[in-house]
Structure formats: C-alpha cells, structure tokens
C-alpha cells in the first residue's frame, strides 16, 4: 500500500493531479488516516496507467504540434522567399529604367549645349553683319590718348 504522495512522486506529477483523478473516477481509498490516503496495488496500477497514457499522448501531441508549427513556418518562409524574388525582379526593372532615363538626360544635355553654342555663334554673326564697317574700338588709356597718335 502506498500513499497518494508516493504514487504522485513515482509518476512524476503533482499530488493534486492524482487527487483530482481519484475523485473524478471514484477510486476507493483503503485507509484514511490523518490527511493521508492509502491505496492498494490495483488502485495504484490504475492511477499509474492513466498518467502514463496521458504523458505519452501529450508527448505525441507536442510532437505533432511541433511538426505543425514547423510546417507552418516552412510555408511562411516559402511565401517570404517568393515575395523577395518578386521584389528583386522589380528592383532590376527599376534599375534598367533608371539607366535609360540617365542616358536620355545626358543626350538632352548635350543637345542643349550644342543648341546654346549654335545660338551664340548665330548671335555673333548677326552682330558682325549689322556693323561690318565699324571696327571695334579699343579703349585707350589716359597716357595713350595724351602721348599716342598725334
């Protein structure tokens, strides 16, 4: 004969769990002294079988729970990898567009520079055509005017 505490220690569960199981399943107590319940071998075997089944099913459930979590995480990882691939492709496309835009901008700047140079040349030609007889006067300093050409 064993006490409830001894059975709980053998199984590796709390005394309260054993007490609740005994109460719920109406297992007979052989002796009740002070606050100790004594059980015969048949009751002890019955209690141990119940808790051994629970621990094995719990470990099996935790294994299947872990497998479920792992499979969910793997699916999440695959989904994230697909998103990354899509975004990488988008980045490559945008980089290509940026190169094209940069090349077009450089061409436009060259064209604008050429147009400015052409316009400046045209303006110079028009100024020369308007005043072809007048030579351009060079400013003469004070001494040059005073002592220069007489």
C-alpha atoms as a PDB file:
ATOM      1  CA  UNK A   1       0.000   0.000   0.000  1.00  0.00           C
ATOM      2  CA  UNK A   2       1.146   3.461  -0.960  1.00  0.00           C
ATOM      3  CA  UNK A   3       0.084   6.976  -0.118  1.00  0.00           C
ATOM      4  CA  UNK A   4      -1.140   9.460  -2.682  1.00  0.00           C
ATOM      5  CA  UNK A   5       2.103  11.448  -2.353  1.00  0.00           C
ATOM      6  CA  UNK A   6       4.229   8.333  -3.010  1.00  0.00           C
ATOM      7  CA  UNK A   7       2.209   7.486  -6.135  1.00  0.00           C
ATOM      8  CA  UNK A   8       2.480  11.103  -7.381  1.00  0.00           C
ATOM      9  CA  UNK A   9       6.257  11.054  -6.856  1.00  0.00           C
ATOM     10  CA  UNK A  10       6.570   7.710  -8.699  1.00  0.00           C
ATOM     11  CA  UNK A  11       4.639   9.038 -11.686  1.00  0.00           C
ATOM     12  CA  UNK A  12       6.231  12.490 -11.638  1.00  0.00           C
ATOM     13  CA  UNK A  13       3.039  14.533 -11.306  1.00  0.00           C
ATOM     14  CA  UNK A  14       1.649  16.664  -8.508  1.00  0.00           C
ATOM     15  CA  UNK A  15      -0.313  15.243  -5.611  1.00  0.00           C
ATOM     16  CA  UNK A  16      -3.224  17.461  -6.623  1.00  0.00           C
ATOM     17  CA  UNK A  17      -3.488  15.859 -10.058  1.00  0.00           C
ATOM     18  CA  UNK A  18      -3.620  12.395  -8.504  1.00  0.00           C
ATOM     19  CA  UNK A  19      -6.272  13.566  -6.023  1.00  0.00           C
ATOM     20  CA  UNK A  20      -8.411  15.043  -8.813  1.00  0.00           C
ATOM     21  CA  UNK A  21      -8.149  11.851 -10.851  1.00  0.00           C
ATOM     22  CA  UNK A  22      -9.106   9.708  -7.835  1.00  0.00           C
ATOM     23  CA  UNK A  23     -12.114  11.941  -7.079  1.00  0.00           C
ATOM     24  CA  UNK A  24     -13.284  12.071 -10.709  1.00  0.00           C
ATOM     25  CA  UNK A  25     -13.046   8.298 -11.214  1.00  0.00           C
ATOM     26  CA  UNK A  26     -14.350   7.265  -7.776  1.00  0.00           C
ATOM     27  CA  UNK A  27     -11.329   5.158  -6.912  1.00  0.00           C
ATOM     28  CA  UNK A  28     -11.709   3.647  -3.450  1.00  0.00           C
ATOM     29  CA  UNK A  29      -9.348   4.644  -0.678  1.00  0.00           C
ATOM     30  CA  UNK A  30      -8.275   1.705   1.508  1.00  0.00           C
ATOM     31  CA  UNK A  31      -7.379   3.720   4.596  1.00  0.00           C
ATOM     32  CA  UNK A  32      -7.683   7.325   5.530  1.00  0.00           C
ATOM     33  CA  UNK A  33      -5.514   8.412   8.452  1.00  0.00           C
ATOM     34  CA  UNK A  34      -4.903  11.993   9.380  1.00  0.00           C
ATOM     35  CA  UNK A  35      -4.747  13.557   5.931  1.00  0.00           C
ATOM     36  CA  UNK A  36      -3.235  10.595   4.113  1.00  0.00           C
ATOM     37  CA  UNK A  37      -4.974   8.365   1.655  1.00  0.00           C
ATOM     38  CA  UNK A  38      -3.667   4.820   1.254  1.00  0.00           C
ATOM     39  CA  UNK A  39      -4.317   2.858  -1.939  1.00  0.00           C
ATOM     40  CA  UNK A  40      -3.914  -0.829  -2.687  1.00  0.00           C
ATOM     41  CA  UNK A  41      -1.898  -2.140  -5.639  1.00  0.00           C
ATOM     42  CA  UNK A  42      -4.874  -2.320  -8.025  1.00  0.00           C
ATOM     43  CA  UNK A  43      -5.708   1.370  -7.480  1.00  0.00           C
ATOM     44  CA  UNK A  44      -2.029   2.269  -7.804  1.00  0.00           C
ATOM     45  CA  UNK A  45      -1.755   0.438 -11.149  1.00  0.00           C
ATOM     46  CA  UNK A  46      -4.932   2.112 -12.403  1.00  0.00           C
ATOM     47  CA  UNK A  47      -3.659   5.590 -11.485  1.00  0.00           C
ATOM     48  CA  UNK A  48      -0.216   4.968 -12.997  1.00  0.00           C
ATOM     49  CA  UNK A  49      -1.712   3.649 -16.224  1.00  0.00           C
ATOM     50  CA  UNK A  50      -3.852   6.750 -16.601  1.00  0.00           C
ATOM     51  CA  UNK A  51      -0.975   9.164 -16.112  1.00  0.00           C
ATOM     52  CA  UNK A  52       1.413   7.142 -18.281  1.00  0.00           C
ATOM     53  CA  UNK A  53      -1.134   7.233 -21.117  1.00  0.00           C
ATOM     54  CA  UNK A  54      -1.560  10.982 -20.652  1.00  0.00           C
ATOM     55  CA  UNK A  55       2.172  11.676 -20.718  1.00  0.00           C
ATOM     56  CA  UNK A  56       2.683   9.533 -23.827  1.00  0.00           C
ATOM     57  CA  UNK A  57      -0.281  11.136 -25.618  1.00  0.00           C
ATOM     58  CA  UNK A  58       0.896  14.592 -24.533  1.00  0.00           C
ATOM     59  CA  UNK A  59       4.370  13.939 -25.862  1.00  0.00           C
ATOM     60  CA  UNK A  60       2.832  12.650 -29.089  1.00  0.00           C
ATOM     61  CA  UNK A  61       0.585  15.722 -29.254  1.00  0.00           C
ATOM     62  CA  UNK A  62       3.533  18.018 -28.590  1.00  0.00           C
ATOM     63  CA  UNK A  63       5.481  16.258 -31.359  1.00  0.00           C
ATOM     64  CA  UNK A  64       2.593  16.699 -33.785  1.00  0.00           C
ATOM     65  CA  UNK A  65       2.181  20.298 -32.575  1.00  0.00           C
ATOM     66  CA  UNK A  66       5.854  20.938 -33.212  1.00  0.00           C
ATOM     67  CA  UNK A  67       5.551  19.357 -36.661  1.00  0.00           C
ATOM     68  CA  UNK A  68       2.550  21.565 -37.393  1.00  0.00           C
ATOM     69  CA  UNK A  69       4.438  24.660 -36.299  1.00  0.00           C
ATOM     70  CA  UNK A  70       7.454  23.666 -38.370  1.00  0.00           C
ATOM     71  CA  UNK A  71       5.333  23.102 -41.474  1.00  0.00           C
ATOM     72  CA  UNK A  72       3.582  26.456 -40.981  1.00  0.00           C
ATOM     73  CA  UNK A  73       6.935  28.194 -40.595  1.00  0.00           C
ATOM     74  CA  UNK A  74       8.249  26.471 -43.726  1.00  0.00           C
ATOM     75  CA  UNK A  75       5.212  27.659 -45.696  1.00  0.00           C
ATOM     76  CA  UNK A  76       5.708  31.174 -44.344  1.00  0.00           C
ATOM     77  CA  UNK A  77       9.370  31.028 -45.352  1.00  0.00           C
ATOM     78  CA  UNK A  78       8.485  29.907 -48.882  1.00  0.00           C
ATOM     79  CA  UNK A  79       5.954  32.732 -49.152  1.00  0.00           C
ATOM     80  CA  UNK A  80       8.544  35.284 -47.990  1.00  0.00           C
ATOM     81  CA  UNK A  81      11.104  33.914 -50.461  1.00  0.00           C
ATOM     82  CA  UNK A  82       8.600  34.345 -53.306  1.00  0.00           C
ATOM     83  CA  UNK A  83       7.969  37.922 -52.209  1.00  0.00           C
ATOM     84  CA  UNK A  84      11.709  38.591 -52.153  1.00  0.00           C
ATOM     85  CA  UNK A  85      12.084  37.179 -55.684  1.00  0.00           C
ATOM     86  CA  UNK A  86       9.297  39.425 -56.943  1.00  0.00           C
ATOM     87  CA  UNK A  87      10.816  42.482 -55.297  1.00  0.00           C
ATOM     88  CA  UNK A  88      14.283  41.636 -56.657  1.00  0.00           C
ATOM     89  CA  UNK A  89      12.799  41.487 -60.171  1.00  0.00           C
ATOM     90  CA  UNK A  90      11.086  44.838 -59.581  1.00  0.00           C
ATOM     91  CA  UNK A  91      14.368  46.382 -58.409  1.00  0.00           C
ATOM     92  CA  UNK A  92      16.152  45.093 -61.548  1.00  0.00           C
ATOM     93  CA  UNK A  93      13.435  46.593 -63.762  1.00  0.00           C
ATOM     94  CA  UNK A  94      13.629  49.933 -61.992  1.00  0.00           C
ATOM     95  CA  UNK A  95      17.430  49.948 -62.248  1.00  0.00           C
ATOM     96  CA  UNK A  96      17.127  49.387 -66.019  1.00  0.00           C
ATOM     97  CA  UNK A  97      14.626  52.231 -66.320  1.00  0.00           C
ATOM     98  CA  UNK A  98      16.949  54.483 -64.318  1.00  0.00           C
ATOM     99  CA  UNK A  99      19.847  53.715 -66.689  1.00  0.00           C
ATOM    100  CA  UNK A 100      17.669  54.527 -69.693  1.00  0.00           C
ATOM    101  CA  UNK A 101      16.480  57.781 -68.143  1.00  0.00           C
ATOM    102  CA  UNK A 102      20.043  58.782 -67.237  1.00  0.00           C
ATOM    103  CA  UNK A 103      21.213  58.130 -70.806  1.00  0.00           C
ATOM    104  CA  UNK A 104      18.318  60.177 -72.229  1.00  0.00           C
ATOM    105  CA  UNK A 105      19.089  63.034 -69.825  1.00  0.00           C
ATOM    106  CA  UNK A 106      22.774  63.056 -70.843  1.00  0.00           C
ATOM    107  CA  UNK A 107      21.755  63.166 -74.524  1.00  0.00           C
ATOM    108  CA  UNK A 108      19.338  66.029 -73.830  1.00  0.00           C
ATOM    109  CA  UNK A 109      22.068  67.973 -72.018  1.00  0.00           C
ATOM    110  CA  UNK A 110      24.450  67.519 -74.945  1.00  0.00           C
ATOM    111  CA  UNK A 111      21.758  68.687 -77.341  1.00  0.00           C
ATOM    112  CA  UNK A 112      21.052  71.738 -75.175  1.00  0.00           C
ATOM    113  CA  UNK A 113      24.767  72.599 -75.029  1.00  0.00           C
ATOM    114  CA  UNK A 114      25.044  72.306 -78.801  1.00  0.00           C
ATOM    115  CA  UNK A 115      21.957  74.475 -79.249  1.00  0.00           C
ATOM    116  CA  UNK A 116      23.406  77.146 -76.951  1.00  0.00           C
ATOM    117  CA  UNK A 117      26.707  77.153 -78.822  1.00  0.00           C
ATOM    118  CA  UNK A 118      24.881  77.415 -82.138  1.00  0.00           C
ATOM    119  CA  UNK A 119      22.742  80.254 -80.846  1.00  0.00           C
ATOM    120  CA  UNK A 120      25.809  82.115 -79.531  1.00  0.00           C
ATOM    121  CA  UNK A 121      27.530  81.698 -82.915  1.00  0.00           C
ATOM    122  CA  UNK A 122      24.438  82.925 -84.720  1.00  0.00           C
ATOM    123  CA  UNK A 123      24.185  85.975 -82.474  1.00  0.00           C
ATOM    124  CA  UNK A 124      27.858  86.795 -83.063  1.00  0.00           C
ATOM    125  CA  UNK A 125      27.372  86.528 -86.819  1.00  0.00           C
ATOM    126  CA  UNK A 126      24.338  88.796 -86.708  1.00  0.00           C
ATOM    127  CA  UNK A 127      26.230  91.428 -84.731  1.00  0.00           C
ATOM    128  CA  UNK A 128      29.056  91.392 -87.246  1.00  0.00           C
ATOM    129  CA  UNK A 129      26.609  91.658 -90.136  1.00  0.00           C
ATOM    130  CA  UNK A 130      24.840  94.659 -88.604  1.00  0.00           C
ATOM    131  CA  UNK A 131      28.020  96.718 -88.047  1.00  0.00           C
ATOM    132  CA  UNK A 132      30.522  95.470 -90.637  1.00  0.00           C
ATOM    133  CA  UNK A 133      32.203  98.890 -91.231  1.00  0.00           C
ATOM    134  CA  UNK A 134      32.801  99.896 -87.679  1.00  0.00           C
ATOM    135  CA  UNK A 135      35.896  98.435 -86.259  1.00  0.00           C
ATOM    136  CA  UNK A 136      35.593  97.655 -82.686  1.00  0.00           C
ATOM    137  CA  UNK A 137      37.052 100.416 -80.569  1.00  0.00           C
ATOM    138  CA  UNK A 138      39.603  99.524 -78.028  1.00  0.00           C
ATOM    139  CA  UNK A 139      39.532 101.761 -75.026  1.00  0.00           C
ATOM    140  CA  UNK A 140      42.602 103.836 -74.794  1.00  0.00           C
ATOM    141  CA  UNK A 141      44.077 104.885 -71.552  1.00  0.00           C
ATOM    142  CA  UNK A 142      44.860 108.461 -70.472  1.00  0.00           C
ATOM    143  CA  UNK A 143      48.542 108.391 -71.389  1.00  0.00           C
ATOM    144  CA  UNK A 144      47.864 106.755 -74.727  1.00  0.00           C
ATOM    145  CA  UNK A 145      45.432 109.486 -75.614  1.00  0.00           C
ATOM    146  CA  UNK A 146      47.802 112.155 -74.375  1.00  0.00           C
ATOM    147  CA  UNK A 147      51.023 110.932 -75.933  1.00  0.00           C
ATOM    148  CA  UNK A 148      49.743 108.471 -78.519  1.00  0.00           C
ATOM    149  CA  UNK A 149      48.774 109.408 -82.058  1.00  0.00           C
ATOM    150  CA  UNK A 150      49.342 112.997 -82.965  1.00  0.00           C
END
